[in-house]
């Protein structure tokens, strides 16, 4: 199983998008400072994930979510979450 995940920095509210085949291990790596892109954004919380059977489908979805259209879709998809945060 492959996962596309969305993390949010509790420090500054930034959204981080990634793809992995071991979600639990990857989340621990992000929060322990072992991932360069999120090293200065800790602590991070997992706010969404989706599972895929095919690795390439997961990677394609990750890449799309990192586009402007994808980020807009994240805001719509998690609108109540962000609304409750006051953002």
PDB file of N, CA and C in Angstrom:
ATOM      1  N   UNK A   1       0.849  -1.174   0.000  1.00  0.00           N
ATOM      2  CA  UNK A   1       0.000   0.000   0.000  1.00  0.00           C
ATOM      3  C   UNK A   1       0.899   1.242   0.000  1.00  0.00           C
ATOM      4  N   UNK A   2       0.472   2.262  -0.722  1.00  0.00           N
ATOM      5  CA  UNK A   2       1.206   3.531  -0.804  1.00  0.00           C
ATOM      6  C   UNK A   2       0.269   4.650  -0.353  1.00  0.00           C
ATOM      7  N   UNK A   3       0.844   5.627   0.294  1.00  0.00           N
ATOM      8  CA  UNK A   3       0.048   6.699   0.902  1.00  0.00           C
ATOM      9  C   UNK A   3       0.509   8.065   0.423  1.00  0.00           C
ATOM     10  N   UNK A   4      -0.454   8.917   0.162  1.00  0.00           N
ATOM     11  CA  UNK A   4      -0.202  10.338  -0.040  1.00  0.00           C
ATOM     12  C   UNK A   4      -0.725  11.001   1.217  1.00  0.00           C
ATOM     13  N   UNK A   5       0.093  11.853   1.803  1.00  0.00           N
ATOM     14  CA  UNK A   5      -0.281  12.440   3.090  1.00  0.00           C
ATOM     15  C   UNK A   5      -0.094  13.951   3.071  1.00  0.00           C
ATOM     16  N   UNK A   6      -0.841  14.589   3.961  1.00  0.00           N
ATOM     17  CA  UNK A   6      -0.735  16.036   4.130  1.00  0.00           C
ATOM     18  C   UNK A   6      -0.452  16.293   5.601  1.00  0.00           C
ATOM     19  N   UNK A   7       0.628  17.002   5.846  1.00  0.00           N
ATOM     20  CA  UNK A   7       1.011  17.388   7.199  1.00  0.00           C
ATOM     21  C   UNK A   7       0.842  18.891   7.334  1.00  0.00           C
ATOM     22  N   UNK A   8       0.598  19.323   8.558  1.00  0.00           N
ATOM     23  CA  UNK A   8       0.556  20.758   8.819  1.00  0.00           C
ATOM     24  C   UNK A   8       1.493  21.073   9.971  1.00  0.00           C
ATOM     25  N   UNK A   9       2.283  22.111   9.785  1.00  0.00           N
ATOM     26  CA  UNK A   9       3.184  22.561  10.825  1.00  0.00           C
ATOM     27  C   UNK A   9       2.387  23.265  11.915  1.00  0.00           C
ATOM     28  N   UNK A  10       2.580  22.827  13.139  1.00  0.00           N
ATOM     29  CA  UNK A  10       1.938  23.512  14.259  1.00  0.00           C
ATOM     30  C   UNK A  10       2.693  24.792  14.597  1.00  0.00           C
ATOM     31  N   UNK A  11       3.892  24.924  14.079  1.00  0.00           N
ATOM     32  CA  UNK A  11       4.731  26.093  14.312  1.00  0.00           C
ATOM     33  C   UNK A  11       4.277  27.295  13.493  1.00  0.00           C
ATOM     34  N   UNK A  12       4.035  27.062  12.170  1.00  0.00           N
ATOM     35  CA  UNK A  12       3.693  28.194  11.310  1.00  0.00           C
ATOM     36  C   UNK A  12       2.491  27.949  10.394  1.00  0.00           C
ATOM     37  N   UNK A  13       1.858  26.773  10.485  1.00  0.00           N
ATOM     38  CA  UNK A  13       0.672  26.490   9.693  1.00  0.00           C
ATOM     39  C   UNK A  13       0.929  26.022   8.271  1.00  0.00           C
ATOM     40  N   UNK A  14       2.203  25.921   7.871  1.00  0.00           N
ATOM     41  CA  UNK A  14       2.528  25.455   6.513  1.00  0.00           C
ATOM     42  C   UNK A  14       2.000  24.047   6.271  1.00  0.00           C
ATOM     43  N   UNK A  15       1.639  23.790   5.025  1.00  0.00           N
ATOM     44  CA  UNK A  15       1.164  22.481   4.587  1.00  0.00           C
ATOM     45  C   UNK A  15       2.309  21.773   3.866  1.00  0.00           C
ATOM     46  N   UNK A  16       2.514  20.498   4.172  1.00  0.00           N
ATOM     47  CA  UNK A  16       3.537  19.680   3.525  1.00  0.00           C
ATOM     48  C   UNK A  16       2.862  18.439   2.957  1.00  0.00           C
ATOM     49  N   UNK A  17       3.198  18.092   1.730  1.00  0.00           N
ATOM     50  CA  UNK A  17       2.579  16.969   1.035  1.00  0.00           C
ATOM     51  C   UNK A  17       3.663  15.966   0.695  1.00  0.00           C
ATOM     52  N   UNK A  18       3.374  14.679   0.920  1.00  0.00           N
ATOM     53  CA  UNK A  18       4.359  13.653   0.619  1.00  0.00           C
ATOM     54  C   UNK A  18       3.726  12.339   0.220  1.00  0.00           C
ATOM     55  N   UNK A  19       4.592  11.375  -0.105  1.00  0.00           N
ATOM     56  CA  UNK A  19       4.163  10.058  -0.552  1.00  0.00           C
ATOM     57  C   UNK A  19       5.101   9.026   0.064  1.00  0.00           C
ATOM     58  N   UNK A  20       4.561   7.911   0.543  1.00  0.00           N
ATOM     59  CA  UNK A  20       5.372   6.877   1.181  1.00  0.00           C
ATOM     60  C   UNK A  20       4.659   5.542   1.161  1.00  0.00           C
ATOM     61  N   UNK A  21       5.410   4.485   1.425  1.00  0.00           N
ATOM     62  CA  UNK A  21       4.777   3.178   1.577  1.00  0.00           C
ATOM     63  C   UNK A  21       4.718   2.766   3.047  1.00  0.00           C
ATOM     64  N   UNK A  22       5.245   3.603   3.945  1.00  0.00           N
ATOM     65  CA  UNK A  22       5.184   3.353   5.387  1.00  0.00           C
ATOM     66  C   UNK A  22       4.852   4.673   6.088  1.00  0.00           C
ATOM     67  N   UNK A  23       3.577   4.945   6.215  1.00  0.00           N
ATOM     68  CA  UNK A  23       3.110   6.237   6.730  1.00  0.00           C
ATOM     69  C   UNK A  23       3.586   6.499   8.158  1.00  0.00           C
ATOM     70  N   UNK A  24       3.486   5.510   9.008  1.00  0.00           N
ATOM     71  CA  UNK A  24       3.875   5.692  10.406  1.00  0.00           C
ATOM     72  C   UNK A  24       5.365   6.048  10.528  1.00  0.00           C
ATOM     73  N   UNK A  25       6.209   5.302   9.816  1.00  0.00           N
ATOM     74  CA  UNK A  25       7.646   5.551   9.852  1.00  0.00           C
ATOM     75  C   UNK A  25       7.976   6.935   9.290  1.00  0.00           C
ATOM     76  N   UNK A  26       7.337   7.304   8.198  1.00  0.00           N
ATOM     77  CA  UNK A  26       7.608   8.594   7.567  1.00  0.00           C
ATOM     78  C   UNK A  26       7.178   9.751   8.475  1.00  0.00           C
ATOM     79  N   UNK A  27       6.047   9.594   9.152  1.00  0.00           N
ATOM     80  CA  UNK A  27       5.577  10.628  10.078  1.00  0.00           C
ATOM     81  C   UNK A  27       6.585  10.828  11.208  1.00  0.00           C
ATOM     82  N   UNK A  28       7.106   9.737  11.726  1.00  0.00           N
ATOM     83  CA  UNK A  28       8.123   9.820  12.785  1.00  0.00           C
ATOM     84  C   UNK A  28       9.379  10.517  12.261  1.00  0.00           C
ATOM     85  N   UNK A  29       9.775  10.193  11.053  1.00  0.00           N
ATOM     86  CA  UNK A  29      10.949  10.840  10.456  1.00  0.00           C
ATOM     87  C   UNK A  29      10.750  12.347  10.325  1.00  0.00           C
ATOM     88  N   UNK A  30       9.557  12.764   9.877  1.00  0.00           N
ATOM     89  CA  UNK A  30       9.273  14.195   9.757  1.00  0.00           C
ATOM     90  C   UNK A  30       9.386  14.888  11.109  1.00  0.00           C
ATOM     91  N   UNK A  31       8.821  14.298  12.142  1.00  0.00           N
ATOM     92  CA  UNK A  31       8.803  14.941  13.449  1.00  0.00           C
ATOM     93  C   UNK A  31      10.089  14.794  14.248  1.00  0.00           C
ATOM     94  N   UNK A  32      11.019  13.986  13.753  1.00  0.00           N
ATOM     95  CA  UNK A  32      12.306  13.864  14.440  1.00  0.00           C
ATOM     96  C   UNK A  32      13.406  14.662  13.732  1.00  0.00           C
ATOM     97  N   UNK A  33      13.030  15.427  12.704  1.00  0.00           N
ATOM     98  CA  UNK A  33      13.980  16.290  12.024  1.00  0.00           C
ATOM     99  C   UNK A  33      14.834  15.607  10.976  1.00  0.00           C
ATOM    100  N   UNK A  34      14.460  14.414  10.558  1.00  0.00           N
ATOM    101  CA  UNK A  34      15.251  13.661   9.581  1.00  0.00           C
ATOM    102  C   UNK A  34      14.867  13.944   8.132  1.00  0.00           C
ATOM    103  N   UNK A  35      13.869  14.797   7.918  1.00  0.00           N
ATOM    104  CA  UNK A  35      13.452  15.169   6.566  1.00  0.00           C
ATOM    105  C   UNK A  35      13.793  16.653   6.383  1.00  0.00           C
ATOM    106  N   UNK A  36      14.648  16.934   5.437  1.00  0.00           N
ATOM    107  CA  UNK A  36      15.163  18.297   5.236  1.00  0.00           C
ATOM    108  C   UNK A  36      14.038  19.315   5.024  1.00  0.00           C
ATOM    109  N   UNK A  37      13.045  18.967   4.218  1.00  0.00           N
ATOM    110  CA  UNK A  37      11.998  19.930   3.862  1.00  0.00           C
ATOM    111  C   UNK A  37      11.117  20.336   5.049  1.00  0.00           C
ATOM    112  N   UNK A  38      11.086  19.538   6.093  1.00  0.00           N
ATOM    113  CA  UNK A  38      10.230  19.868   7.249  1.00  0.00           C
ATOM    114  C   UNK A  38      11.027  20.027   8.546  1.00  0.00           C
ATOM    115  N   UNK A  39      12.326  20.031   8.432  1.00  0.00           N
ATOM    116  CA  UNK A  39      13.185  20.077   9.619  1.00  0.00           C
ATOM    117  C   UNK A  39      12.895  21.268  10.531  1.00  0.00           C
ATOM    118  N   UNK A  40      12.593  22.420   9.947  1.00  0.00           N
ATOM    119  CA  UNK A  40      12.357  23.631  10.740  1.00  0.00           C
ATOM    120  C   UNK A  40      10.876  23.932  10.934  1.00  0.00           C
ATOM    121  N   UNK A  41      10.011  22.969  10.662  1.00  0.00           N
ATOM    122  CA  UNK A  41       8.572  23.200  10.765  1.00  0.00           C
ATOM    123  C   UNK A  41       7.921  22.361  11.854  1.00  0.00           C
ATOM    124  N   UNK A  42       8.704  21.703  12.660  1.00  0.00           N
ATOM    125  CA  UNK A  42       8.163  20.825  13.698  1.00  0.00           C
ATOM    126  C   UNK A  42       7.553  21.636  14.827  1.00  0.00           C
ATOM    127  N   UNK A  43       6.590  21.099  15.518  1.00  0.00           N
ATOM    128  CA  UNK A  43       5.967  19.794  15.336  1.00  0.00           C
ATOM    129  C   UNK A  43       4.962  19.814  14.177  1.00  0.00           C
ATOM    130  N   UNK A  44       4.764  18.641  13.604  1.00  0.00           N
ATOM    131  CA  UNK A  44       3.845  18.468  12.487  1.00  0.00           C
ATOM    132  C   UNK A  44       2.718  17.540  12.904  1.00  0.00           C
ATOM    133  N   UNK A  45       1.546  17.797  12.323  1.00  0.00           N
ATOM    134  CA  UNK A  45       0.441  16.872  12.571  1.00  0.00           C
ATOM    135  C   UNK A  45      -0.108  16.384  11.234  1.00  0.00           C
ATOM    136  N   UNK A  46      -0.540  15.162  11.231  1.00  0.00           N
ATOM    137  CA  UNK A  46      -1.127  14.549  10.044  1.00  0.00           C
ATOM    138  C   UNK A  46      -2.573  15.001   9.956  1.00  0.00           C
ATOM    139  N   UNK A  47      -2.915  15.690   8.856  1.00  0.00           N
ATOM    140  CA  UNK A  47      -4.291  16.186   8.743  1.00  0.00           C
ATOM    141  C   UNK A  47      -5.097  15.460   7.673  1.00  0.00           C
ATOM    142  N   UNK A  48      -4.404  14.673   6.814  1.00  0.00           N
ATOM    143  CA  UNK A  48      -5.132  13.917   5.782  1.00  0.00           C
ATOM    144  C   UNK A  48      -4.196  12.902   5.147  1.00  0.00           C
ATOM    145  N   UNK A  49      -4.740  11.759   4.784  1.00  0.00           N
ATOM    146  CA  UNK A  49      -3.986  10.814   3.967  1.00  0.00           C
ATOM    147  C   UNK A  49      -4.946   9.990   3.125  1.00  0.00           C
ATOM    148  N   UNK A  50      -4.409   9.457   2.045  1.00  0.00           N
ATOM    149  CA  UNK A  50      -5.185   8.603   1.156  1.00  0.00           C
ATOM    150  C   UNK A  50      -4.289   7.454   0.732  1.00  0.00           C
ATOM    151  N   UNK A  51      -4.862   6.261   0.679  1.00  0.00           N
ATOM    152  CA  UNK A  51      -4.070   5.089   0.304  1.00  0.00           C
ATOM    153  C   UNK A  51      -4.316   4.706  -1.150  1.00  0.00           C
ATOM    154  N   UNK A  52      -3.272   4.170  -1.761  1.00  0.00           N
ATOM    155  CA  UNK A  52      -3.303   3.713  -3.147  1.00  0.00           C
ATOM    156  C   UNK A  52      -2.655   2.340  -3.223  1.00  0.00           C
ATOM    157  N   UNK A  53      -3.170   1.488  -4.078  1.00  0.00           N
ATOM    158  CA  UNK A  53      -2.558   0.189  -4.300  1.00  0.00           C
ATOM    159  C   UNK A  53      -1.325   0.337  -5.187  1.00  0.00           C
ATOM    160  N   UNK A  54      -1.413   1.206  -6.177  1.00  0.00           N
ATOM    161  CA  UNK A  54      -0.335   1.369  -7.139  1.00  0.00           C
ATOM    162  C   UNK A  54       0.565   2.549  -6.764  1.00  0.00           C
ATOM    163  N   UNK A  55       1.861   2.315  -6.736  1.00  0.00           N
ATOM    164  CA  UNK A  55       2.852   3.337  -6.390  1.00  0.00           C
ATOM    165  C   UNK A  55       2.789   4.540  -7.329  1.00  0.00           C
ATOM    166  N   UNK A  56       2.631   4.293  -8.615  1.00  0.00           N
ATOM    167  CA  UNK A  56       2.614   5.386  -9.589  1.00  0.00           C
ATOM    168  C   UNK A  56       1.360   6.251  -9.467  1.00  0.00           C
ATOM    169  N   UNK A  57       0.242   5.647  -9.111  1.00  0.00           N
ATOM    170  CA  UNK A  57      -0.976   6.426  -8.869  1.00  0.00           C
ATOM    171  C   UNK A  57      -0.780   7.358  -7.674  1.00  0.00           C
ATOM    172  N   UNK A  58      -0.141   6.845  -6.633  1.00  0.00           N
ATOM    173  CA  UNK A  58       0.117   7.665  -5.445  1.00  0.00           C
ATOM    174  C   UNK A  58       1.049   8.823  -5.783  1.00  0.00           C
ATOM    175  N   UNK A  59       2.111   8.538  -6.514  1.00  0.00           N
ATOM    176  CA  UNK A  59       3.074   9.576  -6.884  1.00  0.00           C
ATOM    177  C   UNK A  59       2.428  10.645  -7.759  1.00  0.00           C
ATOM    178  N   UNK A  60       1.588  10.228  -8.698  1.00  0.00           N
ATOM    179  CA  UNK A  60       0.881  11.173  -9.565  1.00  0.00           C
ATOM    180  C   UNK A  60      -0.016  12.088  -8.738  1.00  0.00           C
ATOM    181  N   UNK A  61      -0.718  11.518  -7.776  1.00  0.00           N
ATOM    182  CA  UNK A  61      -1.604  12.315  -6.908  1.00  0.00           C
ATOM    183  C   UNK A  61      -0.797  13.297  -6.067  1.00  0.00           C
ATOM    184  N   UNK A  62       0.325  12.853  -5.542  1.00  0.00           N
ATOM    185  CA  UNK A  62       1.182  13.742  -4.750  1.00  0.00           C
ATOM    186  C   UNK A  62       1.619  14.937  -5.591  1.00  0.00           C
ATOM    187  N   UNK A  63       2.092  14.674  -6.797  1.00  0.00           N
ATOM    188  CA  UNK A  63       2.557  15.744  -7.672  1.00  0.00           C
ATOM    189  C   UNK A  63       1.438  16.721  -8.009  1.00  0.00           C
ATOM    190  N   UNK A  64       0.239  16.216  -8.240  1.00  0.00           N
ATOM    191  CA  UNK A  64      -0.898  17.081  -8.542  1.00  0.00           C
ATOM    192  C   UNK A  64      -1.260  17.947  -7.336  1.00  0.00           C
ATOM    193  N   UNK A  65      -1.246  17.360  -6.135  1.00  0.00           N
ATOM    194  CA  UNK A  65      -1.586  18.128  -4.938  1.00  0.00           C
ATOM    195  C   UNK A  65      -0.592  19.264  -4.678  1.00  0.00           C
ATOM    196  N   UNK A  66       0.606  19.145  -5.204  1.00  0.00           N
ATOM    197  CA  UNK A  66       1.620  20.184  -5.019  1.00  0.00           C
ATOM    198  C   UNK A  66       1.478  21.333  -6.017  1.00  0.00           C
ATOM    199  N   UNK A  67       0.537  21.227  -6.960  1.00  0.00           N
ATOM    200  CA  UNK A  67       0.282  22.312  -7.902  1.00  0.00           C
ATOM    201  C   UNK A  67      -0.668  23.323  -7.266  1.00  0.00           C
ATOM    202  N   UNK A  68      -0.865  24.438  -7.915  1.00  0.00           N
ATOM    203  CA  UNK A  68      -1.824  25.434  -7.436  1.00  0.00           C
ATOM    204  C   UNK A  68      -3.233  24.869  -7.376  1.00  0.00           C
ATOM    205  N   UNK A  69      -3.619  24.101  -8.409  1.00  0.00           N
ATOM    206  CA  UNK A  69      -4.949  23.500  -8.425  1.00  0.00           C
ATOM    207  C   UNK A  69      -5.095  22.498  -7.279  1.00  0.00           C
ATOM    208  N   UNK A  70      -4.035  21.734  -7.047  1.00  0.00           N
ATOM    209  CA  UNK A  70      -4.064  20.752  -5.971  1.00  0.00           C
ATOM    210  C   UNK A  70      -4.184  21.402  -4.598  1.00  0.00           C
ATOM    211  N   UNK A  71      -3.434  22.471  -4.404  1.00  0.00           N
ATOM    212  CA  UNK A  71      -3.503  23.172  -3.106  1.00  0.00           C
ATOM    213  C   UNK A  71      -4.885  23.805  -2.896  1.00  0.00           C
ATOM    214  N   UNK A  72      -5.475  24.298  -3.982  1.00  0.00           N
ATOM    215  CA  UNK A  72      -6.852  24.813  -3.876  1.00  0.00           C
ATOM    216  C   UNK A  72      -7.810  23.687  -3.501  1.00  0.00           C
ATOM    217  N   UNK A  73      -7.611  22.513  -4.084  1.00  0.00           N
ATOM    218  CA  UNK A  73      -8.448  21.351  -3.777  1.00  0.00           C
ATOM    219  C   UNK A  73      -8.297  20.952  -2.311  1.00  0.00           C
ATOM    220  N   UNK A  74      -7.085  21.023  -1.787  1.00  0.00           N
ATOM    221  CA  UNK A  74      -6.857  20.715  -0.366  1.00  0.00           C
ATOM    222  C   UNK A  74      -7.662  21.676   0.503  1.00  0.00           C
ATOM    223  N   UNK A  75      -7.611  22.954   0.174  1.00  0.00           N
ATOM    224  CA  UNK A  75      -8.365  23.964   0.951  1.00  0.00           C
ATOM    225  C   UNK A  75      -9.862  23.670   0.925  1.00  0.00           C
ATOM    226  N   UNK A  76     -10.385  23.259  -0.228  1.00  0.00           N
ATOM    227  CA  UNK A  76     -11.811  22.924  -0.333  1.00  0.00           C
ATOM    228  C   UNK A  76     -12.131  21.631   0.400  1.00  0.00           C
ATOM    229  N   UNK A  77     -11.290  20.623   0.196  1.00  0.00           N
ATOM    230  CA  UNK A  77     -11.515  19.308   0.775  1.00  0.00           C
ATOM    231  C   UNK A  77     -11.473  19.358   2.306  1.00  0.00           C
ATOM    232  N   UNK A  78     -10.625  20.199   2.858  1.00  0.00           N
ATOM    233  CA  UNK A  78     -10.470  20.302   4.308  1.00  0.00           C
ATOM    234  C   UNK A  78     -10.979  21.650   4.824  1.00  0.00           C
ATOM    235  N   UNK A  79     -11.976  22.199   4.151  1.00  0.00           N
ATOM    236  CA  UNK A  79     -12.452  23.545   4.480  1.00  0.00           C
ATOM    237  C   UNK A  79     -12.937  23.672   5.924  1.00  0.00           C
ATOM    238  N   UNK A  80     -13.630  22.678   6.421  1.00  0.00           N
ATOM    239  CA  UNK A  80     -14.096  22.757   7.816  1.00  0.00           C
ATOM    240  C   UNK A  80     -12.930  22.710   8.794  1.00  0.00           C
ATOM    241  N   UNK A  81     -11.936  21.915   8.491  1.00  0.00           N
ATOM    242  CA  UNK A  81     -10.739  21.847   9.338  1.00  0.00           C
ATOM    243  C   UNK A  81     -10.085  23.225   9.423  1.00  0.00           C
ATOM    244  N   UNK A  82      -9.842  23.852   8.264  1.00  0.00           N
ATOM    245  CA  UNK A  82      -9.188  25.159   8.253  1.00  0.00           C
ATOM    246  C   UNK A  82     -10.104  26.236   8.843  1.00  0.00           C
ATOM    247  N   UNK A  83     -11.402  26.116   8.635  1.00  0.00           N
ATOM    248  CA  UNK A  83     -12.352  27.072   9.196  1.00  0.00           C
ATOM    249  C   UNK A  83     -12.307  27.045  10.720  1.00  0.00           C
ATOM    250  N   UNK A  84     -12.223  25.855  11.280  1.00  0.00           N
ATOM    251  CA  UNK A  84     -12.153  25.709  12.736  1.00  0.00           C
ATOM    252  C   UNK A  84     -10.840  26.202  13.305  1.00  0.00           C
ATOM    253  N   UNK A  85      -9.798  26.254  12.472  1.00  0.00           N
ATOM    254  CA  UNK A  85      -8.517  26.818  12.902  1.00  0.00           C
ATOM    255  C   UNK A  85      -8.522  28.334  12.844  1.00  0.00           C
ATOM    256  N   UNK A  86      -9.499  28.882  12.110  1.00  0.00           N
ATOM    257  CA  UNK A  86      -9.561  30.326  11.945  1.00  0.00           C
ATOM    258  C   UNK A  86      -8.639  30.832  10.863  1.00  0.00           C
ATOM    259  N   UNK A  87      -8.314  29.954   9.891  1.00  0.00           N
ATOM    260  CA  UNK A  87      -7.416  30.354   8.776  1.00  0.00           C
ATOM    261  C   UNK A  87      -8.174  30.427   7.506  1.00  0.00           C
TER     262      UNK A  87
END
